[in-house]
C-alpha atoms as a PDB file:
ATOM      1  CA  MET A   1     205.871  50.839 161.133  1.00  0.00           C
ATOM      2  CA  GLN A   2     202.359  51.677 162.063  1.00  0.00           C
ATOM      3  CA  LEU A   3     201.027  53.286 160.051  1.00  0.00           C
ATOM      4  CA  THR A   4     198.791  56.708 161.219  1.00  0.00           C
ATOM      5  CA  PRO A   5     196.649  58.852 160.467  1.00  0.00           C
ATOM      6  CA  GLU A   6     199.205  61.598 160.089  1.00  0.00           C
ATOM      7  CA  ARG A   7     201.237  59.463 158.282  1.00  0.00           C
ATOM      8  CA  LEU A   8     198.239  58.440 156.145  1.00  0.00           C
ATOM      9  CA  ASN A   9     197.854  62.132 155.887  1.00  0.00           C
ATOM     10  CA  LEU A  10     201.853  62.487 154.287  1.00  0.00           C
ATOM     11  CA  GLU A  11     201.998  59.298 151.583  1.00  0.00           C
ATOM     12  CA  TYR A  12     199.171  60.715 150.127  1.00  0.00           C
ATOM     13  CA  LEU A  13     200.512  64.360 149.813  1.00  0.00           C
ATOM     14  CA  GLN A  14     203.632  63.292 148.751  1.00  0.00           C
ATOM     15  CA  TRP A  15     201.638  60.265 146.290  1.00  0.00           C
ATOM     16  CA  THR A  16     199.100  62.484 144.938  1.00  0.00           C
ATOM     17  CA  LEU A  17     201.985  64.968 143.589  1.00  0.00           C
ATOM     18  CA  GLU A  18     204.506  62.210 142.375  1.00  0.00           C
ATOM     19  CA  ASN A  19     201.988  60.566 140.834  1.00  0.00           C
ATOM     20  CA  LEU A  20     198.767  61.842 140.124  1.00  0.00           C
ATOM     21  CA  GLY A  21     197.219  60.553 141.741  1.00  0.00           C
ATOM     22  CA  ASN A  22     197.296  57.224 139.187  1.00  0.00           C
ATOM     23  CA  ARG A  23     199.836  53.896 139.177  1.00  0.00           C
ATOM     24  CA  ASN A  24     203.403  54.764 140.444  1.00  0.00           C
ATOM     25  CA  LYS A  25     207.056  54.466 138.954  1.00  0.00           C
ATOM     26  CA  ASP A  26     207.199  50.597 139.867  1.00  0.00           C
ATOM     27  CA  ASP A  27     203.175  50.030 138.905  1.00  0.00           C
ATOM     28  CA  LEU A  28     201.067  50.147 142.548  1.00  0.00           C
ATOM     29  CA  ARG A  29     198.025  51.426 143.377  1.00  0.00           C
ATOM     30  CA  PHE A  30     198.324  53.254 145.952  1.00  0.00           C
ATOM     31  CA  GLY A  31     196.863  50.974 148.071  1.00  0.00           C
ATOM     32  CA  GLN A  32     199.265  47.923 147.665  1.00  0.00           C
ATOM     33  CA  TYR A  33     201.958  50.469 148.132  1.00  0.00           C
ATOM     34  CA  LEU A  34     200.322  51.402 151.725  1.00  0.00           C
ATOM     35  CA  ASP A  35     199.986  47.169 152.016  1.00  0.00           C
ATOM     36  CA  TRP A  36     203.577  46.829 151.313  1.00  0.00           C
ATOM     37  CA  LYS A  37     205.250  49.465 153.447  1.00  0.00           C
ATOM     38  CA  TYR A  38     203.549  48.940 156.492  1.00  0.00           C
ATOM     39  CA  ASP A  39     202.499  44.833 156.003  1.00  0.00           C
ATOM     40  CA  LEU A  40     198.680  45.938 156.040  1.00  0.00           C
ATOM     41  CA  LYS A  41     197.655  42.253 154.668  1.00  0.00           C
ATOM     42  CA  LEU A  42     195.013  45.022 153.028  1.00  0.00           C
ATOM     43  CA  HIS A  43     194.768  41.737 150.233  1.00  0.00           C
ATOM     44  CA  LEU A  44     194.387  39.187 152.771  1.00  0.00           C
ATOM     45  CA  SER A  45     191.170  40.200 153.137  1.00  0.00           C
ATOM     46  CA  ASP A  46     187.843  40.109 151.320  1.00  0.00           C
ATOM     47  CA  ARG A  47     186.254  43.355 153.072  1.00  0.00           C
ATOM     48  CA  SER A  48     189.010  45.524 151.916  1.00  0.00           C
ATOM     49  CA  ALA A  49     190.115  43.094 148.703  1.00  0.00           C
ATOM     50  CA  ASP A  50     188.780  46.341 146.830  1.00  0.00           C
ATOM     51  CA  ILE A  51     191.318  49.309 148.869  1.00  0.00           C
ATOM     52  CA  PHE A  52     193.982  46.646 147.357  1.00  0.00           C
ATOM     53  CA  TYR A  53     193.031  46.961 143.841  1.00  0.00           C
ATOM     54  CA  GLN A  54     191.409  50.064 144.016  1.00  0.00           C
ATOM     55  CA  GLU A  55     192.770  52.421 141.407  1.00  0.00           C
ATOM     56  CA  ARG A  56     192.371  55.827 142.509  1.00  0.00           C
ATOM     57  CA  ALA A  57     194.294  57.165 145.525  1.00  0.00           C
ATOM     58  CA  ASP A  58     191.806  59.492 147.406  1.00  0.00           C
ATOM     59  CA  VAL A  59     188.971  56.611 147.449  1.00  0.00           C
ATOM     60  CA  VAL A  60     191.937  54.080 149.202  1.00  0.00           C
ATOM     61  CA  TYR A  61     193.327  57.268 150.692  1.00  0.00           C
ATOM     62  CA  ASP A  62     189.064  58.545 151.983  1.00  0.00           C
ATOM     63  CA  GLU A  63     188.780  54.651 153.767  1.00  0.00           C
ATOM     64  CA  ILE A  64     191.839  53.642 154.723  1.00  0.00           C
ATOM     65  CA  HIS A  65     191.448  57.460 157.048  1.00  0.00           C
ATOM     66  CA  ARG A  66     188.102  56.248 158.329  1.00  0.00           C
ATOM     67  CA  VAL A  67     188.945  52.709 159.997  1.00  0.00           C
ATOM     68  CA  LEU A  68     192.430  54.308 161.092  1.00  0.00           C
ATOM     69  CA  ALA A  69     189.758  56.970 162.719  1.00  0.00           C
ATOM     70  CA  GLN A  70     187.383  54.577 163.479  1.00  0.00           C
ATOM     71  CA  ASN A  71     190.571  52.279 165.115  1.00  0.00           C
ATOM     72  CA  ASN A  72     191.537  55.428 167.127  1.00  0.00           C
ATOM     73  CA  VAL A  73     187.828  56.340 168.672  1.00  0.00           C
ATOM     74  CA  GLN A  74     187.557  52.686 170.099  1.00  0.00           C
ATOM     75  CA  ASN A  75     191.356  52.541 171.583  1.00  0.00           C
ATOM     76  CA  THR A  76     190.306  55.209 173.956  1.00  0.00           C
ATOM     77  CA  LEU A  77     187.076  54.170 174.982  1.00  0.00           C
END
């Protein structure tokens, strides 16, 4: 399954409601959860390691949303 901006919005909303922006019941951070569910390979890139280990879900959401939006613009060119 591919992570789209729409899916990211839903994931973030659900995460925030269920976990109050913190780790989930499996002790995963939001970035780790998204990496596991969508196979983003966040932990393999030095530039994205901060997202993988970031405790704040809002910071992860903002960064991934920015990248998805940027990729979407590039794909339409």
